[in-house]
Amino acid sequence: MKEKADRARLDAMHWAARRERCPAELKVFLRRKEIAEKAILEIQDFLEKEGYMNVRRYACAFARDKFRFNQWGRYRIFKELQAREIPAAQINEALASISEEEYLETLDKLLESKLARTTASSRIAILHKITTFAVQKGFEPALVRERAEQLLNHP
């Protein structure tokens, strides 16, 4: 049994070294290998002590990448990190690392892009389509509405 746990630890080290990982992902990875819960916790502690896994680093990298590459809003990033069992303090720190200026700029570009592709004819239909799109990307509804109104009022 010890040999299986040692092999799992080596596999986990290689797996975690490839990119940032969180404890929830590690648990899924090791459960697929049928590793006992006690051994999973030991491997997790080892990986954290050795620097292979760091929840704070993971949360910041996740937030940065999902914002920049997927253009997700803070709410969606928050929910995704929460689903990965990341503590609220690390989530808030990761979200705070997103610059407000860049955040608003991204939202404005998304709204403008959707507006350019929208075929609706009435102002209300256009407003509905572009705001729904941005809210689905995880941007805050009140902020989206405000920015969309500004965009439609000042083309």
N, C-alpha and C. Protein backbone atom coordinates (compact mmCIF):
# COMPACT_ATOMS: atom_id res chain seq x y z
N MET A 1 0.83 -1.20 0.00
CA MET A 1 0.00 0.00 0.00
C MET A 1 0.87 1.26 0.00
N LYS A 2 1.97 1.22 0.74
CA LYS A 2 2.87 2.36 0.81
C LYS A 2 3.46 2.64 -0.57
N GLU A 3 3.76 1.59 -1.31
CA GLU A 3 4.33 1.75 -2.65
C GLU A 3 3.35 2.48 -3.58
N LYS A 4 2.08 2.17 -3.46
CA LYS A 4 1.06 2.83 -4.28
C LYS A 4 0.97 4.32 -3.93
N ALA A 5 1.04 4.64 -2.65
CA ALA A 5 0.98 6.03 -2.21
C ALA A 5 2.23 6.80 -2.66
N ASP A 6 3.39 6.15 -2.60
CA ASP A 6 4.63 6.79 -3.05
C ASP A 6 4.57 7.07 -4.56
N ARG A 7 4.06 6.11 -5.30
CA ARG A 7 3.93 6.29 -6.75
C ARG A 7 2.94 7.44 -7.05
N ALA A 8 1.86 7.47 -6.27
CA ALA A 8 0.86 8.53 -6.44
C ALA A 8 1.46 9.90 -6.13
N ARG A 9 2.33 9.96 -5.11
CA ARG A 9 2.96 11.23 -4.77
C ARG A 9 3.85 11.70 -5.92
N LEU A 10 4.62 10.80 -6.52
CA LEU A 10 5.47 11.15 -7.66
C LEU A 10 4.62 11.62 -8.85
N ASP A 11 3.55 10.89 -9.11
CA ASP A 11 2.65 11.28 -10.20
C ASP A 11 2.06 12.67 -9.94
N ALA A 12 1.66 12.91 -8.70
CA ALA A 12 1.07 14.20 -8.33
C ALA A 12 2.10 15.33 -8.47
N MET A 13 3.35 15.05 -8.13
CA MET A 13 4.40 16.07 -8.27
C MET A 13 4.57 16.46 -9.74
N HIS A 14 4.63 15.47 -10.60
CA HIS A 14 4.79 15.75 -12.04
C HIS A 14 3.56 16.47 -12.58
N TRP A 15 2.39 16.03 -12.14
CA TRP A 15 1.13 16.61 -12.60
C TRP A 15 1.00 18.07 -12.15
N ALA A 16 1.35 18.34 -10.90
CA ALA A 16 1.24 19.69 -10.34
C ALA A 16 2.32 20.63 -10.89
N ALA A 17 3.43 20.08 -11.33
CA ALA A 17 4.52 20.92 -11.84
C ALA A 17 4.20 21.48 -13.23
N ARG A 18 3.27 20.89 -13.94
CA ARG A 18 2.96 21.33 -15.31
C ARG A 18 2.21 22.65 -15.35
N ARG A 19 1.33 22.89 -14.38
CA ARG A 19 0.59 24.15 -14.31
C ARG A 19 0.03 24.29 -12.90
N GLU A 20 -0.53 25.47 -12.61
CA GLU A 20 -1.10 25.70 -11.29
C GLU A 20 -2.28 24.77 -11.05
N ARG A 21 -2.33 24.20 -9.87
CA ARG A 21 -3.41 23.29 -9.49
C ARG A 21 -3.95 23.70 -8.13
N CYS A 22 -5.20 23.29 -7.86
CA CYS A 22 -5.79 23.55 -6.55
C CYS A 22 -6.06 22.23 -5.84
N PRO A 23 -6.27 22.26 -4.53
CA PRO A 23 -6.51 21.02 -3.79
C PRO A 23 -7.70 20.21 -4.31
N ALA A 24 -8.76 20.86 -4.76
CA ALA A 24 -9.92 20.12 -5.27
C ALA A 24 -9.54 19.31 -6.51
N GLU A 25 -8.73 19.89 -7.38
CA GLU A 25 -8.28 19.17 -8.58
C GLU A 25 -7.39 18.00 -8.19
N LEU A 26 -6.54 18.22 -7.19
CA LEU A 26 -5.66 17.15 -6.72
C LEU A 26 -6.47 15.98 -6.18
N LYS A 27 -7.49 16.27 -5.41
CA LYS A 27 -8.33 15.20 -4.86
C LYS A 27 -8.98 14.37 -5.97
N VAL A 28 -9.48 15.03 -6.99
CA VAL A 28 -10.09 14.32 -8.12
C VAL A 28 -9.04 13.46 -8.81
N PHE A 29 -7.88 14.03 -9.04
CA PHE A 29 -6.78 13.31 -9.70
C PHE A 29 -6.39 12.05 -8.93
N LEU A 30 -6.25 12.18 -7.62
CA LEU A 30 -5.81 11.04 -6.81
C LEU A 30 -6.94 10.03 -6.56
N ARG A 31 -8.16 10.50 -6.49
CA ARG A 31 -9.29 9.56 -6.31
C ARG A 31 -9.45 8.68 -7.54
N ARG A 32 -9.15 9.21 -8.71
CA ARG A 32 -9.19 8.40 -9.93
C ARG A 32 -8.16 7.28 -9.88
N LYS A 33 -7.11 7.52 -9.14
CA LYS A 33 -6.06 6.51 -8.98
C LYS A 33 -6.34 5.60 -7.79
N GLU A 34 -7.53 5.80 -7.17
CA GLU A 34 -7.99 4.99 -6.03
C GLU A 34 -7.04 5.07 -4.84
N ILE A 35 -6.63 6.28 -4.52
CA ILE A 35 -5.75 6.54 -3.37
C ILE A 35 -6.64 6.83 -2.17
N ALA A 36 -6.25 6.32 -1.01
CA ALA A 36 -7.01 6.51 0.22
C ALA A 36 -7.03 7.98 0.63
N GLU A 37 -8.11 8.38 1.29
CA GLU A 37 -8.28 9.79 1.70
C GLU A 37 -7.13 10.27 2.58
N LYS A 38 -6.67 9.43 3.48
CA LYS A 38 -5.57 9.81 4.37
C LYS A 38 -4.31 10.10 3.55
N ALA A 39 -4.04 9.26 2.57
CA ALA A 39 -2.87 9.45 1.71
C ALA A 39 -3.03 10.71 0.86
N ILE A 40 -4.25 11.00 0.43
CA ILE A 40 -4.50 12.21 -0.37
C ILE A 40 -4.13 13.45 0.44
N LEU A 41 -4.56 13.47 1.70
CA LEU A 41 -4.23 14.62 2.57
C LEU A 41 -2.73 14.75 2.79
N GLU A 42 -2.04 13.62 2.95
CA GLU A 42 -0.59 13.64 3.13
C GLU A 42 0.11 14.16 1.87
N ILE A 43 -0.35 13.70 0.72
CA ILE A 43 0.24 14.15 -0.54
C ILE A 43 -0.03 15.64 -0.73
N GLN A 44 -1.23 16.09 -0.40
CA GLN A 44 -1.56 17.51 -0.51
C GLN A 44 -0.65 18.34 0.38
N ASP A 45 -0.47 17.93 1.62
CA ASP A 45 0.43 18.65 2.54
C ASP A 45 1.85 18.70 1.97
N PHE A 46 2.31 17.57 1.45
CA PHE A 46 3.66 17.51 0.88
C PHE A 46 3.80 18.49 -0.28
N LEU A 47 2.83 18.49 -1.20
CA LEU A 47 2.90 19.36 -2.37
C LEU A 47 2.87 20.84 -1.97
N GLU A 48 2.09 21.16 -0.95
CA GLU A 48 2.04 22.55 -0.47
C GLU A 48 3.36 22.96 0.18
N LYS A 49 3.91 22.07 0.99
CA LYS A 49 5.19 22.38 1.67
C LYS A 49 6.33 22.53 0.67
N GLU A 50 6.31 21.73 -0.37
CA GLU A 50 7.39 21.76 -1.35
C GLU A 50 7.18 22.82 -2.44
N GLY A 51 6.06 23.52 -2.40
CA GLY A 51 5.82 24.60 -3.34
C GLY A 51 5.22 24.18 -4.67
N TYR A 52 4.80 22.93 -4.80
CA TYR A 52 4.17 22.49 -6.04
C TYR A 52 2.75 23.03 -6.17
N MET A 53 2.14 23.31 -5.01
CA MET A 53 0.77 23.76 -5.01
C MET A 53 0.63 24.89 -3.99
N ASN A 54 -0.03 25.97 -4.43
CA ASN A 54 -0.24 27.11 -3.56
C ASN A 54 -1.60 27.71 -3.93
N VAL A 55 -2.53 27.69 -2.99
CA VAL A 55 -3.90 28.13 -3.27
C VAL A 55 -3.94 29.60 -3.69
N ARG A 56 -3.19 30.42 -3.04
CA ARG A 56 -3.17 31.86 -3.36
C ARG A 56 -2.65 32.08 -4.78
N ARG A 57 -1.56 31.41 -5.11
CA ARG A 57 -0.97 31.53 -6.44
C ARG A 57 -1.94 31.01 -7.51
N TYR A 58 -2.60 29.89 -7.19
CA TYR A 58 -3.57 29.32 -8.11
C TYR A 58 -4.72 30.29 -8.38
N ALA A 59 -5.28 30.85 -7.31
CA ALA A 59 -6.42 31.76 -7.44
C ALA A 59 -6.05 32.98 -8.28
N CYS A 60 -4.89 33.55 -8.04
CA CYS A 60 -4.46 34.73 -8.81
C CYS A 60 -4.24 34.39 -10.28
N ALA A 61 -3.61 33.26 -10.54
CA ALA A 61 -3.37 32.85 -11.93
C ALA A 61 -4.68 32.54 -12.64
N PHE A 62 -5.59 31.87 -11.95
CA PHE A 62 -6.90 31.54 -12.52
C PHE A 62 -7.66 32.82 -12.88
N ALA A 63 -7.73 33.74 -11.93
CA ALA A 63 -8.46 35.00 -12.16
C ALA A 63 -7.84 35.79 -13.31
N ARG A 64 -6.53 35.90 -13.30
CA ARG A 64 -5.83 36.65 -14.36
C ARG A 64 -6.09 36.02 -15.73
N ASP A 65 -5.94 34.71 -15.82
CA ASP A 65 -6.10 34.03 -17.11
C ASP A 65 -7.53 34.06 -17.62
N LYS A 66 -8.49 33.81 -16.74
CA LYS A 66 -9.89 33.79 -17.17
C LYS A 66 -10.36 35.19 -17.56
N PHE A 67 -9.84 36.20 -16.90
CA PHE A 67 -10.20 37.57 -17.27
C PHE A 67 -9.57 37.94 -18.61
N ARG A 68 -8.29 37.72 -18.74
CA ARG A 68 -7.59 38.16 -19.95
C ARG A 68 -7.93 37.34 -21.19
N PHE A 69 -7.98 36.02 -21.05
CA PHE A 69 -8.15 35.17 -22.22
C PHE A 69 -9.61 34.83 -22.52
N ASN A 70 -10.43 34.67 -21.49
CA ASN A 70 -11.83 34.31 -21.70
C ASN A 70 -12.77 35.50 -21.54
N GLN A 71 -12.22 36.60 -21.05
CA GLN A 71 -12.97 37.83 -20.81
C GLN A 71 -14.16 37.58 -19.88
N TRP A 72 -13.88 36.87 -18.80
CA TRP A 72 -14.89 36.63 -17.78
C TRP A 72 -14.91 37.82 -16.83
N GLY A 73 -16.09 38.07 -16.27
CA GLY A 73 -16.24 39.10 -15.26
C GLY A 73 -15.93 38.55 -13.87
N ARG A 74 -15.89 39.45 -12.91
CA ARG A 74 -15.54 39.07 -11.53
C ARG A 74 -16.52 38.07 -10.93
N TYR A 75 -17.80 38.23 -11.22
CA TYR A 75 -18.78 37.33 -10.62
C TYR A 75 -18.56 35.89 -11.08
N ARG A 76 -18.32 35.69 -12.36
CA ARG A 76 -18.09 34.33 -12.87
C ARG A 76 -16.79 33.75 -12.33
N ILE A 77 -15.76 34.55 -12.27
CA ILE A 77 -14.49 34.08 -11.71
C ILE A 77 -14.69 33.69 -10.25
N PHE A 78 -15.41 34.53 -9.51
CA PHE A 78 -15.70 34.24 -8.10
C PHE A 78 -16.40 32.89 -7.96
N LYS A 79 -17.45 32.67 -8.74
CA LYS A 79 -18.22 31.42 -8.64
C LYS A 79 -17.37 30.21 -9.03
N GLU A 80 -16.53 30.35 -10.03
CA GLU A 80 -15.68 29.24 -10.46
C GLU A 80 -14.64 28.89 -9.40
N LEU A 81 -14.05 29.91 -8.80
CA LEU A 81 -13.08 29.64 -7.73
C LEU A 81 -13.76 29.05 -6.51
N GLN A 82 -14.95 29.52 -6.21
CA GLN A 82 -15.72 28.99 -5.09
C GLN A 82 -16.04 27.51 -5.33
N ALA A 83 -16.37 27.15 -6.56
CA ALA A 83 -16.65 25.76 -6.91
C ALA A 83 -15.41 24.88 -6.74
N ARG A 84 -14.24 25.48 -6.83
CA ARG A 84 -12.99 24.75 -6.66
C ARG A 84 -12.51 24.77 -5.20
N GLU A 85 -13.40 25.19 -4.32
CA GLU A 85 -13.16 25.18 -2.87
C GLU A 85 -12.01 26.10 -2.44
N ILE A 86 -11.85 27.20 -3.13
CA ILE A 86 -10.83 28.19 -2.77
C ILE A 86 -11.41 29.07 -1.67
N PRO A 87 -10.67 29.32 -0.60
CA PRO A 87 -11.17 30.17 0.49
C PRO A 87 -11.47 31.59 0.01
N ALA A 88 -12.46 32.20 0.65
CA ALA A 88 -12.93 33.54 0.25
C ALA A 88 -11.81 34.57 0.27
N ALA A 89 -10.91 34.49 1.23
CA ALA A 89 -9.82 35.48 1.31
C ALA A 89 -8.95 35.43 0.06
N GLN A 90 -8.63 34.24 -0.41
CA GLN A 90 -7.81 34.12 -1.62
C GLN A 90 -8.59 34.55 -2.86
N ILE A 91 -9.89 34.27 -2.88
CA ILE A 91 -10.71 34.70 -4.02
C ILE A 91 -10.73 36.23 -4.09
N ASN A 92 -10.97 36.86 -2.96
CA ASN A 92 -11.03 38.32 -2.93
C ASN A 92 -9.70 38.94 -3.32
N GLU A 93 -8.62 38.35 -2.88
CA GLU A 93 -7.29 38.84 -3.25
C GLU A 93 -7.06 38.71 -4.76
N ALA A 94 -7.49 37.58 -5.31
CA ALA A 94 -7.32 37.35 -6.75
C ALA A 94 -8.15 38.34 -7.56
N LEU A 95 -9.37 38.59 -7.12
CA LEU A 95 -10.24 39.54 -7.83
C LEU A 95 -9.71 40.97 -7.72
N ALA A 96 -9.12 41.29 -6.58
CA ALA A 96 -8.55 42.63 -6.38
C ALA A 96 -7.34 42.86 -7.29
N SER A 97 -6.71 41.78 -7.74
CA SER A 97 -5.54 41.93 -8.61
C SER A 97 -5.92 42.36 -10.03
N ILE A 98 -7.21 42.31 -10.36
CA ILE A 98 -7.67 42.76 -11.68
C ILE A 98 -7.84 44.28 -11.63
N SER A 99 -7.14 44.96 -12.49
CA SER A 99 -7.19 46.42 -12.50
C SER A 99 -8.58 46.90 -12.92
N GLU A 100 -9.09 47.88 -12.19
CA GLU A 100 -10.43 48.43 -12.47
C GLU A 100 -10.49 49.03 -13.86
N GLU A 101 -9.44 49.72 -14.26
CA GLU A 101 -9.39 50.35 -15.58
C GLU A 101 -9.46 49.28 -16.68
N GLU A 102 -8.67 48.25 -16.55
CA GLU A 102 -8.66 47.17 -17.54
C GLU A 102 -10.00 46.43 -17.55
N TYR A 103 -10.60 46.29 -16.38
CA TYR A 103 -11.89 45.61 -16.25
C TYR A 103 -12.97 46.37 -17.03
N LEU A 104 -13.05 47.68 -16.81
CA LEU A 104 -14.05 48.50 -17.50
C LEU A 104 -13.79 48.56 -19.01
N GLU A 105 -12.52 48.61 -19.36
CA GLU A 105 -12.13 48.63 -20.77
C GLU A 105 -12.58 47.34 -21.47
N THR A 106 -12.37 46.22 -20.81
CA THR A 106 -12.77 44.92 -21.36
C THR A 106 -14.29 44.84 -21.50
N LEU A 107 -15.00 45.27 -20.47
CA LEU A 107 -16.46 45.27 -20.53
C LEU A 107 -16.95 46.14 -21.67
N ASP A 108 -16.38 47.33 -21.83
CA ASP A 108 -16.79 48.22 -22.91
C ASP A 108 -16.55 47.59 -24.28
N LYS A 109 -15.41 46.93 -24.45
CA LYS A 109 -15.10 46.27 -25.72
C LYS A 109 -16.08 45.14 -26.01
N LEU A 110 -16.42 44.37 -24.96
CA LEU A 110 -17.40 43.29 -25.14
C LEU A 110 -18.75 43.84 -25.58
N LEU A 111 -19.18 44.90 -24.92
CA LEU A 111 -20.46 45.50 -25.26
C LEU A 111 -20.45 46.06 -26.68
N GLU A 112 -19.38 46.74 -27.05
CA GLU A 112 -19.27 47.30 -28.40
C GLU A 112 -19.26 46.19 -29.45
N SER A 113 -18.54 45.13 -29.17
CA SER A 113 -18.46 44.00 -30.09
C SER A 113 -19.84 43.35 -30.29
N LYS A 114 -20.54 43.15 -29.19
CA LYS A 114 -21.87 42.55 -29.28
C LYS A 114 -22.84 43.49 -29.99
N LEU A 115 -22.73 44.76 -29.72
CA LEU A 115 -23.59 45.75 -30.38
C LEU A 115 -23.39 45.71 -31.89
N ALA A 116 -22.16 45.59 -32.32
CA ALA A 116 -21.86 45.56 -33.76
C ALA A 116 -22.45 44.32 -34.43
N ARG A 117 -22.61 43.23 -33.69
CA ARG A 117 -23.14 41.98 -34.25
C ARG A 117 -24.64 41.83 -34.04
N THR A 118 -25.25 42.73 -33.30
CA THR A 118 -26.67 42.60 -32.97
C THR A 118 -27.53 43.09 -34.13
N THR A 119 -28.53 42.30 -34.46
CA THR A 119 -29.42 42.64 -35.56
C THR A 119 -30.76 43.18 -35.09
N ALA A 120 -30.96 43.28 -33.80
CA ALA A 120 -32.23 43.79 -33.27
C ALA A 120 -32.44 45.23 -33.73
N SER A 121 -33.71 45.60 -33.86
CA SER A 121 -33.99 46.94 -34.39
C SER A 121 -34.38 47.95 -33.31
N SER A 122 -35.04 47.50 -32.26
CA SER A 122 -35.46 48.46 -31.23
C SER A 122 -34.37 48.65 -30.18
N ARG A 123 -34.37 49.82 -29.59
CA ARG A 123 -33.37 50.14 -28.56
C ARG A 123 -33.46 49.18 -27.37
N ILE A 124 -34.67 48.84 -26.97
CA ILE A 124 -34.88 47.94 -25.83
C ILE A 124 -34.33 46.55 -26.15
N ALA A 125 -34.58 46.05 -27.34
CA ALA A 125 -34.08 44.73 -27.75
C ALA A 125 -32.56 44.72 -27.81
N ILE A 126 -31.99 45.78 -28.33
CA ILE A 126 -30.52 45.89 -28.41
C ILE A 126 -29.94 45.91 -27.00
N LEU A 127 -30.51 46.73 -26.14
CA LEU A 127 -30.05 46.83 -24.76
C LEU A 127 -30.13 45.48 -24.07
N HIS A 128 -31.23 44.79 -24.27
CA HIS A 128 -31.41 43.46 -23.67
C HIS A 128 -30.33 42.49 -24.16
N LYS A 129 -30.11 42.45 -25.45
CA LYS A 129 -29.13 41.51 -26.01
C LYS A 129 -27.71 41.77 -25.51
N ILE A 130 -27.29 43.01 -25.53
CA ILE A 130 -25.90 43.28 -25.14
C ILE A 130 -25.70 43.13 -23.63
N THR A 131 -26.70 43.51 -22.84
CA THR A 131 -26.55 43.35 -21.38
C THR A 131 -26.60 41.88 -20.98
N THR A 132 -27.48 41.12 -21.59
CA THR A 132 -27.56 39.69 -21.29
C THR A 132 -26.24 39.00 -21.61
N PHE A 133 -25.66 39.35 -22.73
CA PHE A 133 -24.38 38.77 -23.14
C PHE A 133 -23.30 39.03 -22.09
N ALA A 134 -23.17 40.27 -21.65
CA ALA A 134 -22.12 40.62 -20.69
C ALA A 134 -22.38 40.02 -19.31
N VAL A 135 -23.63 39.95 -18.92
CA VAL A 135 -23.96 39.34 -17.62
C VAL A 135 -23.64 37.84 -17.65
N GLN A 136 -23.88 37.19 -18.77
CA GLN A 136 -23.54 35.77 -18.90
C GLN A 136 -22.03 35.54 -18.84
N LYS A 137 -21.26 36.54 -19.22
CA LYS A 137 -19.80 36.45 -19.12
C LYS A 137 -19.32 36.68 -17.69
N GLY A 138 -20.26 37.05 -16.79
CA GLY A 138 -19.90 37.19 -15.39
C GLY A 138 -19.68 38.61 -14.90
N PHE A 139 -20.06 39.59 -15.70
CA PHE A 139 -19.93 40.97 -15.25
C PHE A 139 -21.17 41.34 -14.42
N GLU A 140 -21.00 42.25 -13.50
CA GLU A 140 -22.05 42.63 -12.57
C GLU A 140 -23.19 43.33 -13.32
N PRO A 141 -24.45 42.89 -13.11
CA PRO A 141 -25.58 43.42 -13.85
C PRO A 141 -25.72 44.95 -13.79
N ALA A 142 -25.57 45.55 -12.63
CA ALA A 142 -25.73 47.00 -12.51
C ALA A 142 -24.66 47.74 -13.31
N LEU A 143 -23.43 47.25 -13.25
CA LEU A 143 -22.33 47.86 -13.99
C LEU A 143 -22.56 47.69 -15.50
N VAL A 144 -22.99 46.51 -15.89
CA VAL A 144 -23.25 46.24 -17.32
C VAL A 144 -24.34 47.19 -17.83
N ARG A 145 -25.39 47.32 -17.07
CA ARG A 145 -26.51 48.18 -17.49
C ARG A 145 -26.03 49.63 -17.65
N GLU A 146 -25.26 50.08 -16.67
CA GLU A 146 -24.74 51.46 -16.72
C GLU A 146 -23.88 51.68 -17.96
N ARG A 147 -22.94 50.76 -18.21
CA ARG A 147 -22.03 50.91 -19.35
C ARG A 147 -22.76 50.76 -20.69
N ALA A 148 -23.76 49.88 -20.74
CA ALA A 148 -24.53 49.68 -21.96
C ALA A 148 -25.36 50.92 -22.27
N GLU A 149 -25.95 51.50 -21.25
CA GLU A 149 -26.72 52.75 -21.43
C GLU A 149 -25.80 53.86 -21.97
N GLN A 150 -24.62 53.95 -21.41
CA GLN A 150 -23.66 54.97 -21.88
C GLN A 150 -23.30 54.74 -23.34
N LEU A 151 -23.08 53.49 -23.69
CA LEU A 151 -22.72 53.14 -25.06
C LEU A 151 -23.84 53.50 -26.04
N LEU A 152 -25.06 53.20 -25.66
CA LEU A 152 -26.19 53.49 -26.56
C LEU A 152 -26.52 54.98 -26.62
N ASN A 153 -26.25 55.70 -25.56
CA ASN A 153 -26.53 57.13 -25.54
C ASN A 153 -25.46 57.97 -26.23
N HIS A 154 -24.23 57.43 -26.27
CA HIS A 154 -23.10 58.17 -26.86
C HIS A 154 -22.37 57.25 -27.84
N PRO A 155 -22.94 57.05 -29.03
CA PRO A 155 -22.30 56.13 -29.99
C PRO A 155 -21.00 56.64 -30.54
